[in-house]
Amino acid sequence: MLVTTKRMLQKAKKEGYAVPHFNVSNLETVKSVIEGCSKMNSPVIVATSESAIKYAGIKSLKSLVESLAYKSKIQIALHLDHSPSYELAKDCLKEGWTSIMRDASNLPFDKNVKETKRVVDLAHKKNIAVEAEIGRLSGKEGWVESKESLFTNPEDARKFTLLTKCDSLAVSIGTSHGAYKFKGNPRLDFNLLEEIEHKVSLPLVLHGASSVPSFLVHKANKYGADLRGAKGVPDSQIKKAIRIGICKINTDTDLRIAFDASIREFLNKEPRDFNPRDILKATIDEMQKVVESKVKLFGSEDKSDMLRK
């Protein structure tokens, strides 16, 4: 059963933990996420990007998630991550997505408000919660020194949530997408996060928060990858962000590295095995370990309200 995220995130905010969000695009990622969270009795947000939908197909991806979710008793939301347009959000709502993010953070404040509110007005008619973003994360290049142009302004965040009536807000405090998040030591702006949390009553979301585990990077490199310099957000900083008020944390890169490392290792150790099920089973096992470790880190273990079948 798929559920919306509003109550899920409100509960996390009240009880002081973060709901895990994992990006998926195929059978292996979906299985690792749902089975890992089911084992831990954790609520989970299964997220699909525009590129994942283009890759797998909107109907087939929905069917895949829904069929695996049906077997589970945990709370599972199907989320559209970083939607670049009203049209994609509309298509996903039509197909049964239970959570939507409209990301217009690249636009000026007024246009971000306008584009976000269009999706909010549409989604709320179906009682579907909407996540929005203000402030911008850096890309694969990592830390950006120009905080004023990219980081979330607390007062703008307050006004934005009032004007758009969004249900949760993604904020920029120093994280970035990809495996190369920092040139030097990791340094999130916790003072800024405290200011935002003081001004915004909604659940806050942290994107670009993969930890890029060194043991997975080492394994991938050992079997032929080149991930030198990859660096993520330390667990200690994730815990501190949750204590301050982060209620949802997005993970994508860590699953990708686990997939890559495990498939390289298997093919190296089993050169005569060309059965795709054997090869891909190894990726599920490794990714599920990542999922379970995130659940423990975020404090969401045993936080799912069990659903009746």
Protein backbone atom coordinates (compact mmCIF):
# COMPACT_ATOMS: atom_id res chain seq x y z
CA MET A 1 0.00 0.00 0.00
CA LEU A 2 1.32 3.43 -0.97
CA VAL A 3 0.71 6.36 1.38
CA THR A 4 1.26 10.10 1.26
CA THR A 5 4.15 11.74 3.11
CA LYS A 6 2.40 14.43 5.13
CA ARG A 7 1.68 12.41 8.29
CA MET A 8 4.92 10.46 7.86
CA LEU A 9 7.04 13.63 8.03
CA GLN A 10 4.98 15.30 10.73
CA LYS A 11 5.53 12.27 12.96
CA ALA A 12 9.27 12.38 12.27
CA LYS A 13 9.39 16.06 13.16
CA LYS A 14 7.51 15.48 16.41
CA GLU A 15 9.61 12.48 17.48
CA GLY A 16 13.02 13.73 16.32
CA TYR A 17 14.12 11.35 13.57
CA ALA A 18 14.38 11.51 9.78
CA VAL A 19 12.43 9.49 7.22
CA PRO A 20 14.77 7.86 4.67
CA HIS A 21 14.35 8.74 1.01
CA PHE A 22 16.05 6.52 -1.57
CA ASN A 23 16.17 7.11 -5.31
CA VAL A 24 15.32 4.08 -7.45
CA SER A 25 15.24 3.28 -11.15
CA ASN A 26 15.12 -0.52 -11.53
CA LEU A 27 14.05 -3.78 -9.88
CA GLU A 28 17.25 -4.13 -7.86
CA THR A 29 17.13 -0.70 -6.25
CA VAL A 30 13.41 -0.98 -5.47
CA LYS A 31 13.84 -4.43 -3.89
CA SER A 32 16.81 -3.38 -1.78
CA VAL A 33 14.99 -0.30 -0.47
CA ILE A 34 11.63 -1.91 0.32
CA GLU A 35 13.04 -5.15 1.72
CA GLY A 36 15.65 -3.31 3.79
CA CYS A 37 13.13 -0.91 5.30
CA SER A 38 10.59 -3.70 5.84
CA LYS A 39 13.20 -5.65 7.80
CA MET A 40 13.82 -2.56 9.96
CA ASN A 41 10.11 -1.60 10.18
CA SER A 42 10.97 1.86 8.91
CA PRO A 43 8.76 4.15 6.86
CA VAL A 44 10.36 4.95 3.52
CA ILE A 45 10.04 7.33 0.61
CA VAL A 46 10.79 5.57 -2.66
CA ALA A 47 11.85 8.33 -5.02
CA THR A 48 11.91 8.59 -8.79
CA SER A 49 13.60 11.33 -10.77
CA GLU A 50 12.70 12.57 -14.23
CA SER A 51 15.61 10.59 -15.67
CA ALA A 52 14.54 7.41 -13.85
CA ILE A 53 11.04 7.75 -15.25
CA LYS A 54 12.45 8.23 -18.75
CA TYR A 55 14.67 5.18 -18.27
CA ALA A 56 12.12 2.73 -16.86
CA GLY A 57 8.83 4.21 -18.10
CA ILE A 58 6.27 5.91 -15.89
CA LYS A 59 3.75 3.05 -15.86
CA SER A 60 6.26 0.23 -15.47
CA LEU A 61 8.10 2.05 -12.67
CA LYS A 62 4.84 2.71 -10.82
CA SER A 63 3.79 -0.94 -11.22
CA LEU A 64 7.14 -2.18 -9.98
CA VAL A 65 7.06 -0.08 -6.82
CA GLU A 66 3.38 -0.75 -6.17
CA SER A 67 3.68 -4.52 -6.57
CA LEU A 68 6.59 -4.74 -4.12
CA ALA A 69 4.97 -2.28 -1.72
CA TYR A 70 1.79 -4.38 -1.66
CA LYS A 71 3.68 -7.22 0.00
CA SER A 72 4.98 -5.00 2.79
CA LYS A 73 3.30 -3.72 5.93
CA ILE A 74 5.40 -0.58 6.33
CA GLN A 75 4.45 2.92 5.19
CA ILE A 76 5.80 3.50 1.67
CA ALA A 77 5.41 6.67 -0.35
CA LEU A 78 6.12 6.93 -4.08
CA HIS A 79 7.81 10.28 -4.57
CA LEU A 80 8.63 12.41 -7.61
CA ASP A 81 12.04 13.93 -6.88
CA HIS A 82 13.18 17.29 -8.30
CA SER A 83 10.39 17.64 -10.83
CA PRO A 84 11.54 20.31 -13.30
CA SER A 85 8.04 21.03 -14.57
CA TYR A 86 4.35 21.25 -13.78
CA GLU A 87 3.67 18.79 -16.58
CA LEU A 88 5.73 15.96 -15.09
CA ALA A 89 4.17 16.52 -11.68
CA LYS A 90 0.73 16.37 -13.28
CA ASP A 91 1.58 13.11 -15.09
CA CYS A 92 2.85 11.48 -11.90
CA LEU A 93 -0.21 12.55 -9.92
CA LYS A 94 -2.39 11.04 -12.66
CA GLU A 95 -0.46 7.75 -12.46
CA GLY A 96 -0.75 7.48 -8.68
CA TRP A 97 2.40 8.99 -7.17
CA THR A 98 1.73 9.81 -3.51
CA SER A 99 4.30 12.56 -3.02
CA ILE A 100 5.56 15.31 -5.30
CA MET A 101 8.57 17.62 -5.24
CA ARG A 102 8.45 20.65 -7.50
CA ASP A 103 11.95 22.04 -7.76
CA ALA A 104 11.94 25.56 -9.17
CA SER A 105 14.87 26.66 -7.00
CA ASN A 106 16.83 27.75 -10.09
CA LEU A 107 14.26 30.49 -10.70
CA PRO A 108 13.98 33.90 -9.01
CA PHE A 109 11.99 33.92 -5.76
CA ASP A 110 8.69 35.15 -7.26
CA LYS A 111 8.78 32.63 -10.12
CA ASN A 112 9.72 29.82 -7.72
CA VAL A 113 6.67 30.71 -5.65
CA LYS A 114 4.42 30.79 -8.71
CA GLU A 115 5.62 27.47 -10.16
CA THR A 116 5.54 25.71 -6.79
CA LYS A 117 2.06 26.97 -5.97
CA ARG A 118 0.71 25.62 -9.28
CA VAL A 119 1.76 22.12 -8.27
CA VAL A 120 0.60 22.57 -4.66
CA ASP A 121 -2.87 23.63 -5.82
CA LEU A 122 -3.10 20.59 -8.09
CA ALA A 123 -1.70 18.06 -5.62
CA HIS A 124 -3.73 19.24 -2.64
CA LYS A 125 -6.92 18.51 -4.59
CA LYS A 126 -5.85 14.86 -4.35
CA ASN A 127 -4.61 15.20 -0.73
CA ILE A 128 -1.03 14.67 -1.93
CA ALA A 129 1.78 16.47 -0.10
CA VAL A 130 4.28 18.65 -1.95
CA GLU A 131 7.94 19.24 -1.18
CA ALA A 132 9.56 22.41 -2.50
CA GLU A 133 13.06 23.86 -2.46
CA ILE A 134 14.53 27.27 -1.83
CA GLY A 135 18.26 27.83 -2.09
CA ARG A 136 20.38 25.77 -4.47
CA LEU A 137 22.69 22.83 -3.96
CA SER A 138 26.00 22.71 -5.78
CA GLY A 139 26.53 19.96 -8.30
CA LYS A 140 29.25 17.41 -8.69
CA GLU A 141 31.96 20.02 -8.23
CA GLY A 142 31.24 20.09 -4.50
CA TRP A 143 31.45 22.98 -2.05
CA VAL A 144 30.52 26.41 -3.37
CA GLU A 145 32.03 29.42 -1.63
CA SER A 146 29.30 31.87 -2.68
CA LYS A 147 26.90 31.03 0.13
CA GLU A 148 24.81 34.15 -0.38
CA SER A 149 23.70 33.11 -3.87
CA LEU A 150 23.10 29.42 -3.16
CA PHE A 151 22.29 28.82 0.49
CA THR A 152 18.77 29.11 1.85
CA ASN A 153 17.86 32.50 3.27
CA PRO A 154 15.82 31.93 6.47
CA GLU A 155 13.46 34.86 5.94
CA ASP A 156 12.89 33.92 2.31
CA ALA A 157 12.15 30.37 3.46
CA ARG A 158 9.52 31.65 5.89
CA LYS A 159 7.81 33.78 3.24
CA PHE A 160 8.05 31.03 0.65
CA THR A 161 6.26 28.43 2.78
CA LEU A 162 3.48 30.89 3.63
CA LEU A 163 2.96 31.87 0.00
CA THR A 164 3.12 28.40 -1.54
CA LYS A 165 1.52 26.35 1.25
CA CYS A 166 3.95 23.52 0.48
CA ASP A 167 4.10 20.66 2.98
CA SER A 168 7.88 20.28 3.42
CA LEU A 169 10.91 22.32 2.43
CA ALA A 170 14.30 21.26 1.06
CA VAL A 171 17.04 23.59 2.26
CA SER A 172 20.61 24.25 1.21
CA ILE A 173 23.16 24.39 4.05
CA GLY A 174 26.28 23.06 2.35
CA THR A 175 25.50 19.61 0.96
CA SER A 176 25.74 18.82 -2.75
CA HIS A 177 24.67 16.15 -5.19
CA GLY A 178 27.07 13.46 -6.34
CA ALA A 179 30.09 11.68 -4.87
CA TYR A 180 32.43 14.68 -4.70
CA LYS A 181 30.74 16.92 -2.16
CA PHE A 182 33.67 18.70 -0.54
CA LYS A 183 37.09 19.89 -1.66
CA GLY A 184 38.29 20.12 1.94
CA ASN A 185 36.75 19.03 5.22
CA PRO A 186 32.96 18.64 5.27
CA ARG A 187 31.38 21.77 6.69
CA LEU A 188 27.62 22.12 6.91
CA ASP A 189 26.24 25.43 8.19
CA PHE A 190 24.38 24.35 11.32
CA ASN A 191 23.87 27.92 12.50
CA LEU A 192 21.99 28.61 9.29
CA LEU A 193 19.93 25.44 9.75
CA GLU A 194 18.97 26.57 13.25
CA GLU A 195 17.84 29.94 11.88
CA ILE A 196 15.74 28.26 9.21
CA GLU A 197 14.21 25.82 11.69
CA HIS A 198 13.29 28.74 13.96
CA LYS A 199 11.43 30.52 11.16
CA VAL A 200 9.85 27.56 9.31
CA SER A 201 7.35 25.29 11.02
CA LEU A 202 7.27 22.68 8.24
CA PRO A 203 9.36 19.49 8.09
CA LEU A 204 12.79 20.29 6.65
CA VAL A 205 14.53 18.11 4.04
CA LEU A 206 18.24 17.57 3.40
CA HIS A 207 19.30 16.72 -0.16
CA GLY A 208 22.78 15.71 -1.30
CA ALA A 209 23.41 13.96 2.01
CA SER A 210 25.00 10.66 0.98
CA SER A 211 27.94 9.71 3.18
CA VAL A 212 29.94 8.06 0.34
CA PRO A 213 31.26 5.23 2.60
CA SER A 214 35.01 4.84 2.25
CA PHE A 215 34.82 1.02 2.32
CA LEU A 216 32.51 1.02 -0.71
CA VAL A 217 34.72 3.52 -2.55
CA HIS A 218 37.73 1.32 -1.76
CA LYS A 219 35.96 -1.81 -3.00
CA ALA A 220 34.85 -0.13 -6.22
CA ASN A 221 38.36 1.20 -6.86
CA LYS A 222 39.89 -2.18 -6.06
CA TYR A 223 37.91 -3.80 -8.86
CA GLY A 224 38.43 -1.16 -11.52
CA ALA A 225 36.50 2.02 -10.68
CA ASP A 226 38.14 5.43 -10.39
CA LEU A 227 36.45 7.27 -7.52
CA ARG A 228 39.52 8.95 -6.14
CA GLY A 229 38.63 12.00 -4.06
CA ALA A 230 35.01 10.96 -3.49
CA LYS A 231 33.83 12.35 -0.17
CA GLY A 232 30.43 12.61 1.51
CA VAL A 233 28.72 13.93 4.62
CA PRO A 234 29.98 12.32 7.86
CA ASP A 235 27.45 10.44 9.99
CA SER A 236 28.12 12.79 12.92
CA GLN A 237 26.96 15.76 10.86
CA ILE A 238 23.86 13.92 9.69
CA LYS A 239 22.94 13.18 13.31
CA LYS A 240 23.42 16.82 14.25
CA ALA A 241 21.24 17.98 11.37
CA ILE A 242 18.46 15.65 12.56
CA ARG A 243 18.77 16.96 16.12
CA ILE A 244 18.30 20.50 14.82
CA GLY A 245 15.23 19.66 12.78
CA ILE A 246 15.86 17.76 9.53
CA CYS A 247 12.96 15.28 9.08
CA LYS A 248 13.75 13.70 5.69
CA ILE A 249 17.13 12.78 4.20
CA ASN A 250 17.74 11.89 0.56
CA THR A 251 20.15 9.13 -0.47
CA ASP A 252 21.09 8.24 -4.03
CA THR A 253 24.88 8.24 -4.50
CA ASP A 254 25.51 5.65 -1.78
CA LEU A 255 23.21 3.14 -3.50
CA ARG A 256 24.90 3.80 -6.84
CA ILE A 257 28.36 3.18 -5.39
CA ALA A 258 27.14 0.01 -3.64
CA PHE A 259 25.67 -1.22 -6.93
CA ASP A 260 28.86 -0.45 -8.83
CA ALA A 261 31.22 -1.93 -6.23
CA SER A 262 29.26 -5.16 -5.83
CA ILE A 263 28.84 -5.82 -9.53
CA ARG A 264 32.55 -5.20 -10.18
CA GLU A 265 33.52 -7.52 -7.32
CA PHE A 266 31.20 -10.31 -8.47
CA LEU A 267 32.38 -10.25 -12.07
CA ASN A 268 35.99 -10.26 -10.91
CA LYS A 269 35.54 -13.20 -8.55
CA GLU A 270 33.12 -15.19 -10.73
CA PRO A 271 34.40 -14.69 -14.30
CA ARG A 272 32.60 -17.79 -15.61
CA ASP A 273 29.17 -16.77 -14.26
CA PHE A 274 27.18 -14.90 -16.89
CA ASN A 275 23.73 -15.39 -15.30
CA PRO A 276 22.30 -11.86 -14.87
CA ARG A 277 20.26 -12.99 -11.86
CA ASP A 278 23.40 -14.07 -10.02
CA ILE A 279 25.22 -10.87 -10.94
CA LEU A 280 22.38 -8.54 -9.98
CA LYS A 281 21.53 -10.44 -6.78
CA ALA A 282 24.91 -9.32 -5.45
CA THR A 283 23.91 -5.68 -5.96
CA ILE A 284 20.69 -6.15 -3.98
CA ASP A 285 22.55 -7.60 -1.02
CA GLU A 286 25.06 -4.72 -0.93
CA MET A 287 22.48 -1.98 -1.44
CA GLN A 288 20.23 -3.43 1.25
CA LYS A 289 23.10 -3.17 3.73
CA VAL A 290 23.33 0.53 2.87
CA VAL A 291 19.57 0.94 3.33
CA GLU A 292 19.62 -0.70 6.75
CA SER A 293 22.58 1.39 7.88
CA LYS A 294 20.79 4.59 6.87
CA VAL A 295 17.66 3.60 8.76
CA LYS A 296 19.75 3.15 11.92
CA LEU A 297 21.57 6.44 11.35
CA PHE A 298 18.37 8.39 10.76
CA GLY A 299 16.63 6.90 13.80
CA SER A 300 13.64 5.60 11.82
CA GLU A 301 13.88 1.94 12.87
CA ASP A 302 10.53 0.68 14.24
CA LYS A 303 8.91 4.03 13.41
CA SER A 304 6.51 2.77 10.75
CA ASP A 305 2.87 2.51 11.70
CA MET A 306 2.10 -1.05 10.59
CA LEU A 307 -0.56 -1.16 7.90
CA ARG A 308 -3.42 -3.63 7.86
CA LYS A 309 -3.86 -5.77 4.78
